[in-house]
Amino acid sequence: MEKRIHKLLLQWTLISAMLFVVAACRDDKELLMPETEDVDDITESRDLAGFYLLNEGNMGSNKATLDYFDFASGQYTRNIYAEANQTVVQELGDVGNDLNIYGSRLYAVINCSNFVEVMDVHTARHIGTIEVPNCRYMAFSGRYAYLTSYAGPVLISTDYKQIGYVAKIDTATLQVVATCNVGFQPDGIAVDADGGKIYVANSGGYMVPNYENTVSVIDIETFTEERRIEVVNNLHRLCIDSHKQLWVSSRGDYFEQPSRLYCVDLQTESLCDSVDVAVGSFWLDGDSLYVCSNEFSYETYDNTASYAIVDVKHHTVVTRNFITDGTDERIQVPYGICVNPLTKDIFVTDARNYVSPGVLYCFDKYGKKKWSVSTGDIPAHFALHYK
């Protein structure tokens, strides 16, 4: 056990040092201007205008950027935030962690900058910011947004004491009106408005190897934590399907416990099944959960990529590689995923080496590549934009 801790702490130290060097080598006054690239894909998507893609950027370098793909014109534009907000800031912030559209607004969670950037959904122009420390993921219901927060600083320690919370935000005023304590390092969040519940994945990710292993259940009306559902260590992402099931991903412990997908029955609020697929990112489209992963093991020091589709109704794996033309051999680090609900085109991002521009791939519903474009650093989070 002690050996594992030393390995993980050493790995974190090396990564932090590398990121510091990368950040130090950048020109603080550098302003990335937008660039547009045409792709051979003009798709009639009725009410769907396009999608935004949030690039996380390298930690400590203030390099999160926002891209946009227009379905009607077939144009992909990089770094649209800089052009739309030239008088606000030079860059979007430090580490883009989540992206959502709710109503007429676009919400970008900027983790290490400790705020949510709120923009006009049609122009990406700045509307305001919501200040929440070490913020992670968002969900919405009614007039409120719900945002998970690690609450404390970025710090790997088995003695980490700061528990996390969920912030309740009035979307009209962009003010935090209440908070609800949950577990350590809460990540994914999902709202079951009909059931009146909020579900939060507690990771304990800073406390290796003493990870959290529960999903917090919050009552929406009272905004208090009712109970916790035990699942497995190091939980990450959440989504709710049409069958009243909560799907939860685990990163695993990077040693004996692999990354896996778990199912919680929301009628009984208990763990009911697991599916043998590794999960980095996922996207739910109907009864199909599209998954991409680049699972790392400290036992082998190898990464294993996967591109799966899971049938959430029957809890079965439809395919373990939806890319059918061999393009997966060129993807270094599968990182983000999105599916066009009309055409069923699949979008997969490649973070490559984490410190240089990534790549966005578009595959048709049969898994054959249609096109690819360069993105910002560490392309990760999608938000579909409807007309």
Protein backbone atom coordinates (compact mmCIF):
# COMPACT_ATOMS: atom_id res chain seq x y z
CA MET A 1 0.00 0.00 0.00
CA GLU A 2 2.80 2.39 0.96
CA LYS A 3 4.54 1.63 -2.33
CA ARG A 4 1.40 2.59 -4.25
CA ILE A 5 1.13 5.92 -2.46
CA HIS A 6 4.76 6.72 -3.23
CA LYS A 7 4.24 5.87 -6.92
CA LEU A 8 1.15 8.05 -7.21
CA LEU A 9 2.73 10.97 -5.38
CA LEU A 10 5.84 10.71 -7.57
CA GLN A 11 3.69 10.65 -10.71
CA TRP A 12 1.75 13.73 -9.52
CA THR A 13 5.00 15.57 -8.75
CA LEU A 14 6.41 14.83 -12.21
CA ILE A 15 3.22 15.92 -13.94
CA SER A 16 3.03 19.12 -11.88
CA ALA A 17 6.66 19.94 -12.68
CA MET A 18 6.09 19.37 -16.38
CA LEU A 19 3.01 21.59 -16.41
CA PHE A 20 4.89 24.32 -14.54
CA VAL A 21 7.66 24.27 -17.15
CA VAL A 22 5.12 24.39 -19.98
CA ALA A 23 3.35 27.33 -18.35
CA ALA A 24 6.61 29.15 -17.67
CA CYS A 25 7.67 28.85 -21.30
CA ARG A 26 4.51 30.56 -22.57
CA ASP A 27 4.27 34.25 -23.27
CA ASP A 28 1.77 35.69 -20.79
CA LYS A 29 0.74 38.29 -23.36
CA GLU A 30 0.11 35.78 -26.11
CA LEU A 31 -3.37 36.20 -27.59
CA LEU A 32 -4.72 33.28 -29.59
CA MET A 33 -6.90 34.57 -32.41
CA PRO A 34 -9.73 32.52 -33.92
CA GLU A 35 -9.06 30.31 -36.93
CA THR A 36 -11.69 28.82 -39.22
CA GLU A 37 -11.35 25.54 -41.08
CA ASP A 38 -13.82 24.19 -43.63
CA VAL A 39 -14.71 20.51 -43.56
CA ASP A 40 -16.52 18.50 -46.21
CA ASP A 41 -19.67 18.00 -44.16
CA ILE A 42 -22.65 20.28 -44.62
CA THR A 43 -25.44 18.48 -42.77
CA GLU A 44 -29.13 19.31 -42.75
CA SER A 45 -29.82 19.01 -39.03
CA ARG A 46 -33.18 20.77 -38.74
CA ASP A 47 -33.18 22.47 -35.32
CA LEU A 48 -29.57 21.62 -34.51
CA ALA A 49 -27.24 24.52 -35.34
CA GLY A 50 -23.89 23.08 -34.25
CA PHE A 51 -21.87 22.37 -31.14
CA TYR A 52 -19.39 24.04 -28.84
CA LEU A 53 -16.22 22.26 -27.74
CA LEU A 54 -14.38 23.31 -24.59
CA ASN A 55 -10.65 22.63 -24.62
CA GLU A 56 -9.33 22.11 -21.10
CA GLY A 57 -5.90 23.63 -21.69
CA ASN A 58 -2.77 22.72 -19.74
CA MET A 59 -3.04 23.17 -15.99
CA GLY A 60 -1.37 26.37 -14.81
CA SER A 61 -1.17 27.93 -18.28
CA ASN A 62 -4.52 29.76 -18.49
CA LYS A 63 -5.14 28.13 -21.87
CA ALA A 64 -8.74 26.91 -21.83
CA THR A 65 -10.35 27.78 -25.17
CA LEU A 66 -13.72 27.44 -26.85
CA ASP A 67 -14.31 26.10 -30.38
CA TYR A 68 -17.49 25.94 -32.49
CA PHE A 69 -18.67 23.74 -35.35
CA ASP A 70 -21.49 25.02 -37.59
CA PHE A 71 -23.52 22.21 -39.19
CA ALA A 72 -25.02 24.41 -41.91
CA SER A 73 -21.76 25.86 -43.24
CA GLY A 74 -19.42 23.00 -42.37
CA GLN A 75 -17.06 25.49 -40.69
CA TYR A 76 -15.03 24.67 -37.58
CA THR A 77 -13.76 27.76 -35.72
CA ARG A 78 -11.11 27.59 -33.03
CA ASN A 79 -10.92 29.93 -30.04
CA ILE A 80 -14.11 31.90 -30.59
CA TYR A 81 -14.09 33.30 -27.05
CA ALA A 82 -11.06 35.51 -27.73
CA GLU A 83 -12.75 37.23 -30.67
CA ALA A 84 -16.14 37.63 -28.98
CA ASN A 85 -14.65 39.03 -25.76
CA GLN A 86 -11.60 41.08 -26.67
CA THR A 87 -12.17 43.57 -23.85
CA VAL A 88 -12.85 41.00 -21.12
CA VAL A 89 -9.71 38.86 -20.72
CA GLN A 90 -7.01 37.51 -22.98
CA GLU A 91 -7.91 33.90 -22.29
CA LEU A 92 -10.90 31.94 -21.01
CA GLY A 93 -9.15 30.63 -17.87
CA ASP A 94 -7.26 27.75 -16.29
CA VAL A 95 -8.62 24.24 -17.07
CA GLY A 96 -12.05 23.99 -18.67
CA ASN A 97 -13.84 21.17 -16.84
CA ASP A 98 -17.45 21.16 -18.05
CA LEU A 99 -19.68 22.81 -20.64
CA ASN A 100 -23.47 23.19 -20.65
CA ILE A 101 -26.22 25.05 -22.46
CA TYR A 102 -29.30 26.01 -20.46
CA GLY A 103 -31.87 28.34 -21.93
CA SER A 104 -30.13 31.15 -23.82
CA ARG A 105 -26.85 30.81 -21.96
CA LEU A 106 -23.64 28.84 -22.31
CA TYR A 107 -21.90 27.82 -19.07
CA ALA A 108 -18.19 26.91 -19.05
CA VAL A 109 -16.84 25.53 -15.76
CA ILE A 110 -13.24 26.73 -15.37
CA ASN A 111 -11.86 24.50 -12.64
CA CYS A 112 -8.54 25.96 -11.49
CA SER A 113 -9.68 29.56 -12.09
CA ASN A 114 -12.48 28.89 -9.58
CA PHE A 115 -15.38 30.24 -11.62
CA VAL A 116 -18.05 29.50 -14.20
CA GLU A 117 -17.96 31.71 -17.28
CA VAL A 118 -21.50 32.53 -18.44
CA MET A 119 -21.96 33.52 -22.09
CA ASP A 120 -24.68 34.23 -24.61
CA VAL A 121 -25.35 30.90 -26.34
CA HIS A 122 -25.55 32.45 -29.82
CA THR A 123 -22.55 34.77 -29.69
CA ALA A 124 -20.33 33.40 -26.86
CA ARG A 125 -20.18 36.92 -25.46
CA HIS A 126 -19.50 37.32 -21.75
CA ILE A 127 -22.54 37.80 -19.51
CA GLY A 128 -21.06 37.18 -16.08
CA THR A 129 -19.16 34.81 -13.82
CA ILE A 130 -20.07 32.58 -10.89
CA GLU A 131 -17.26 32.26 -8.36
CA VAL A 132 -16.99 28.79 -6.80
CA PRO A 133 -13.69 27.27 -5.63
CA ASN A 134 -12.31 24.24 -7.47
CA CYS A 135 -15.59 23.85 -9.39
CA ARG A 136 -16.18 20.67 -11.38
CA TYR A 137 -19.52 19.76 -13.06
CA MET A 138 -22.96 21.35 -13.52
CA ALA A 139 -26.59 20.27 -13.84
CA PHE A 140 -29.80 22.29 -14.07
CA SER A 141 -33.43 22.20 -12.95
CA GLY A 142 -36.01 24.99 -13.04
CA ARG A 143 -34.41 28.35 -12.28
CA TYR A 144 -31.38 26.82 -10.59
CA ALA A 145 -28.00 25.46 -11.58
CA TYR A 146 -26.21 22.93 -9.38
CA LEU A 147 -22.41 22.87 -9.35
CA THR A 148 -20.04 20.44 -7.64
CA SER A 149 -17.03 21.87 -5.83
CA TYR A 150 -13.96 20.27 -4.29
CA ALA A 151 -14.05 23.34 -1.98
CA GLY A 152 -10.32 23.13 -1.22
CA PRO A 153 -7.08 23.60 -3.18
CA VAL A 154 -5.56 21.22 -5.74
CA LEU A 155 -3.59 18.94 -3.44
CA ILE A 156 -2.86 15.20 -3.42
CA SER A 157 -2.79 14.03 0.20
CA THR A 158 -4.06 11.04 2.17
CA ASP A 159 -4.82 13.56 4.96
CA TYR A 160 -6.98 15.88 2.86
CA LYS A 161 -9.61 17.30 5.25
CA GLN A 162 -11.79 19.58 3.13
CA ILE A 163 -15.08 17.94 2.18
CA GLY A 164 -16.80 19.02 -1.01
CA TYR A 165 -20.19 20.55 -1.62
CA VAL A 166 -22.84 21.33 -4.23
CA ALA A 167 -23.58 25.00 -4.87
CA LYS A 168 -27.13 26.02 -5.72
CA ILE A 169 -27.07 28.95 -8.15
CA ASP A 170 -29.89 31.27 -9.18
CA THR A 171 -29.55 31.42 -12.97
CA ALA A 172 -31.26 34.84 -13.08
CA THR A 173 -28.80 36.56 -10.73
CA LEU A 174 -25.81 34.19 -11.11
CA GLN A 175 -25.50 34.15 -7.32
CA VAL A 176 -24.87 31.14 -5.07
CA VAL A 177 -27.94 30.98 -2.83
CA ALA A 178 -27.15 27.79 -0.87
CA THR A 179 -24.64 24.98 -0.48
CA CYS A 180 -25.00 21.33 0.49
CA ASN A 181 -22.05 19.34 1.85
CA VAL A 182 -21.40 15.94 0.25
CA GLY A 183 -18.31 13.70 0.15
CA PHE A 184 -14.68 14.38 -0.68
CA GLN A 185 -13.93 15.68 -4.20
CA PRO A 186 -17.43 15.43 -5.74
CA ASP A 187 -17.41 15.20 -9.53
CA GLY A 188 -20.32 14.21 -11.78
CA ILE A 189 -23.83 15.47 -10.99
CA ALA A 190 -27.25 14.56 -12.38
CA VAL A 191 -30.75 15.86 -11.59
CA ASP A 192 -33.89 13.73 -11.53
CA ALA A 193 -36.44 16.54 -11.55
CA ASP A 194 -39.44 14.18 -11.58
CA GLY A 195 -38.11 12.30 -8.58
CA GLY A 196 -37.00 15.49 -6.83
CA LYS A 197 -33.43 14.30 -6.33
CA ILE A 198 -29.89 15.34 -7.18
CA TYR A 199 -27.19 12.67 -7.46
CA VAL A 200 -23.49 13.41 -6.94
CA ALA A 201 -20.48 11.15 -7.59
CA ASN A 202 -18.00 11.42 -4.72
CA SER A 203 -14.50 10.56 -5.94
CA GLY A 204 -12.06 11.25 -3.11
CA GLY A 205 -9.59 11.65 -5.97
CA TYR A 206 -7.12 13.77 -3.99
CA MET A 207 -6.91 11.21 -1.19
CA VAL A 208 -5.28 8.26 -2.96
CA PRO A 209 -5.50 5.43 -2.11
CA ASN A 210 -8.31 6.35 0.33
CA TYR A 211 -10.91 7.04 -2.34
CA GLU A 212 -14.58 7.78 -1.74
CA ASN A 213 -17.02 5.15 -3.03
CA THR A 214 -20.49 6.68 -2.76
CA VAL A 215 -23.15 8.64 -4.63
CA SER A 216 -24.77 11.36 -2.52
CA VAL A 217 -28.55 11.73 -2.76
CA ILE A 218 -29.77 15.32 -2.26
CA ASP A 219 -33.43 16.29 -1.86
CA ILE A 220 -34.09 19.18 -4.26
CA GLU A 221 -36.78 20.87 -2.16
CA THR A 222 -34.85 20.96 1.12
CA PHE A 223 -31.43 20.95 -0.55
CA THR A 224 -30.03 18.57 2.05
CA GLU A 225 -28.13 15.30 1.66
CA GLU A 226 -30.51 12.44 2.48
CA ARG A 227 -28.24 9.46 2.15
CA ARG A 228 -25.36 7.90 0.22
CA ILE A 229 -25.43 4.94 -2.12
CA GLU A 230 -22.36 2.75 -1.94
CA VAL A 231 -20.95 1.90 -5.37
CA VAL A 232 -17.17 1.54 -5.79
CA ASN A 233 -14.02 3.64 -5.43
CA ASN A 234 -13.17 6.83 -7.31
CA LEU A 235 -16.47 7.68 -9.00
CA HIS A 236 -16.51 10.20 -11.83
CA ARG A 237 -19.37 10.73 -14.28
CA LEU A 238 -23.17 10.41 -13.98
CA CYS A 239 -26.16 10.33 -16.31
CA ILE A 240 -29.81 9.27 -15.99
CA ASP A 241 -31.52 7.28 -18.75
CA SER A 242 -35.23 7.04 -19.65
CA HIS A 243 -35.61 3.84 -17.62
CA LYS A 244 -35.02 5.54 -14.24
CA GLN A 245 -31.48 4.25 -14.05
CA LEU A 246 -28.41 6.19 -12.93
CA TRP A 247 -25.22 5.28 -14.78
CA VAL A 248 -22.03 5.92 -12.83
CA SER A 249 -18.45 5.60 -14.03
CA SER A 250 -15.46 4.76 -11.87
CA ARG A 251 -11.87 5.62 -12.76
CA GLY A 252 -10.71 2.62 -10.70
CA ASP A 253 -7.59 2.72 -8.54
CA TYR A 254 -5.10 2.36 -11.43
CA PHE A 255 -3.87 -0.91 -9.89
CA GLU A 256 -6.12 -3.95 -9.26
CA GLN A 257 -9.48 -2.20 -9.58
CA PRO A 258 -10.15 -1.29 -13.23
CA SER A 259 -12.32 1.52 -14.55
CA ARG A 260 -15.89 0.29 -14.94
CA LEU A 261 -19.50 1.35 -15.55
CA TYR A 262 -22.14 0.86 -12.83
CA CYS A 263 -25.93 1.06 -12.77
CA VAL A 264 -28.06 2.31 -9.87
CA ASP A 265 -31.81 1.62 -9.82
CA LEU A 266 -33.41 4.95 -8.94
CA GLN A 267 -36.61 3.26 -7.72
CA THR A 268 -34.71 1.53 -4.94
CA GLU A 269 -31.67 3.85 -4.95
CA SER A 270 -29.36 0.86 -4.85
CA LEU A 271 -26.58 -0.56 -7.02
CA CYS A 272 -28.11 -3.13 -9.37
CA ASP A 273 -25.51 -3.98 -12.03
CA SER A 274 -22.13 -3.29 -13.60
CA VAL A 275 -20.90 -3.42 -17.18
CA ASP A 276 -17.37 -4.49 -18.04
CA VAL A 277 -16.20 -1.42 -19.96
CA ALA A 278 -13.61 1.20 -19.02
CA VAL A 279 -14.97 4.76 -19.01
CA GLY A 280 -13.21 8.06 -19.52
CA SER A 281 -16.05 10.03 -21.11
CA PHE A 282 -19.54 9.03 -22.16
CA TRP A 283 -22.52 10.42 -24.08
CA LEU A 284 -26.08 9.10 -23.79
CA ASP A 285 -28.16 9.05 -26.97
CA GLY A 286 -31.50 7.29 -26.54
CA ASP A 287 -30.74 3.82 -25.16
CA SER A 288 -27.15 3.92 -26.41
CA LEU A 289 -24.36 5.03 -24.11
CA TYR A 290 -21.29 5.87 -26.20
CA VAL A 291 -18.05 5.47 -24.25
CA CYS A 292 -14.43 6.32 -24.92
CA SER A 293 -11.55 5.64 -22.58
CA ASN A 294 -7.79 5.66 -22.30
CA GLU A 295 -7.34 3.50 -19.19
CA PHE A 296 -3.95 3.75 -17.47
CA SER A 297 -2.43 1.14 -15.13
CA TYR A 298 0.41 1.70 -12.67
CA GLU A 299 1.02 -2.05 -12.76
CA THR A 300 1.93 -2.08 -16.45
CA TYR A 301 2.42 1.66 -17.13
CA ASP A 302 0.37 1.13 -20.28
CA ASN A 303 -2.71 2.88 -21.64
CA THR A 304 -5.57 0.87 -23.13
CA ALA A 305 -7.96 2.71 -25.44
CA SER A 306 -11.56 1.64 -25.97
CA TYR A 307 -14.59 2.88 -27.91
CA ALA A 308 -17.70 1.08 -26.72
CA ILE A 309 -21.47 1.33 -27.07
CA VAL A 310 -23.60 0.06 -24.18
CA ASP A 311 -27.32 -0.74 -24.48
CA VAL A 312 -28.62 0.81 -21.24
CA LYS A 313 -32.00 -0.91 -21.47
CA HIS A 314 -30.51 -4.40 -21.54
CA HIS A 315 -27.17 -3.67 -19.80
CA THR A 316 -25.20 -5.20 -22.66
CA VAL A 317 -22.15 -4.15 -24.65
CA VAL A 318 -23.17 -3.64 -28.28
CA THR A 319 -19.59 -3.16 -29.47
CA ARG A 320 -16.20 -2.60 -27.90
CA ASN A 321 -14.96 -0.59 -30.86
CA PHE A 322 -17.42 1.54 -32.80
CA ILE A 323 -14.56 2.79 -35.03
CA THR A 324 -14.57 0.35 -37.93
CA ASP A 325 -12.06 1.77 -40.44
CA GLY A 326 -8.84 1.56 -38.44
CA THR A 327 -8.71 5.26 -37.54
CA ASP A 328 -8.48 4.29 -33.87
CA GLU A 329 -4.85 3.31 -34.52
CA ARG A 330 -4.06 7.00 -35.12
CA ILE A 331 -5.76 8.31 -31.97
CA GLN A 332 -3.25 8.69 -29.16
CA VAL A 333 -5.50 9.66 -26.21
CA PRO A 334 -9.28 9.37 -26.70
CA TYR A 335 -10.68 12.03 -24.41
CA GLY A 336 -14.11 13.50 -25.24
CA ILE A 337 -17.18 12.18 -27.03
CA CYS A 338 -20.45 13.48 -28.49
CA VAL A 339 -23.19 12.10 -30.75
CA ASN A 340 -25.38 14.00 -33.19
CA PRO A 341 -28.90 12.86 -32.16
CA LEU A 342 -30.22 13.27 -35.72
CA THR A 343 -27.51 11.84 -37.99
CA LYS A 344 -25.88 9.63 -35.30
CA ASP A 345 -22.47 10.94 -36.34
CA ILE A 346 -19.95 10.30 -33.55
CA PHE A 347 -17.40 12.93 -32.51
CA VAL A 348 -14.27 11.79 -30.66
CA THR A 349 -11.44 14.02 -29.45
CA ASP A 350 -7.78 13.11 -29.18
CA ALA A 351 -5.82 14.91 -26.43
CA ARG A 352 -2.57 13.61 -27.97
CA ASN A 353 0.30 14.52 -25.60
CA TYR A 354 -1.76 16.88 -23.36
CA VAL A 355 0.49 19.89 -24.07
CA SER A 356 -0.18 20.66 -27.74
CA PRO A 357 -3.30 21.09 -29.93
CA GLY A 358 -5.59 18.10 -30.05
CA VAL A 359 -7.66 16.60 -32.86
CA LEU A 360 -11.40 16.23 -33.35
CA TYR A 361 -12.58 13.25 -35.43
CA CYS A 362 -16.03 12.85 -36.95
CA PHE A 363 -17.27 9.32 -37.71
CA ASP A 364 -20.51 8.36 -39.40
CA LYS A 365 -22.95 6.02 -37.66
CA TYR A 366 -21.12 3.06 -39.17
CA GLY A 367 -17.82 4.07 -37.55
CA LYS A 368 -16.09 5.33 -40.67
CA LYS A 369 -14.14 8.60 -40.55
CA LYS A 370 -15.73 11.57 -42.31
CA TRP A 371 -13.27 14.33 -41.36
CA SER A 372 -10.90 15.64 -38.71
CA VAL A 373 -9.70 19.07 -37.56
CA SER A 374 -7.17 20.51 -35.13
CA THR A 375 -8.52 21.85 -31.83
CA GLY A 376 -7.16 23.63 -28.78
CA ASP A 377 -5.13 21.88 -26.08
CA ILE A 378 -6.91 18.86 -24.53
CA PRO A 379 -10.30 18.97 -26.31
CA ALA A 380 -12.83 17.55 -23.90
CA HIS A 381 -16.38 18.83 -23.37
CA PHE A 382 -19.22 19.23 -25.89
CA ALA A 383 -22.50 21.14 -25.80
CA LEU A 384 -25.02 20.77 -28.62
CA HIS A 385 -26.38 24.11 -29.82
CA TYR A 386 -29.98 24.20 -31.05
CA LYS A 387 -31.35 27.00 -33.22
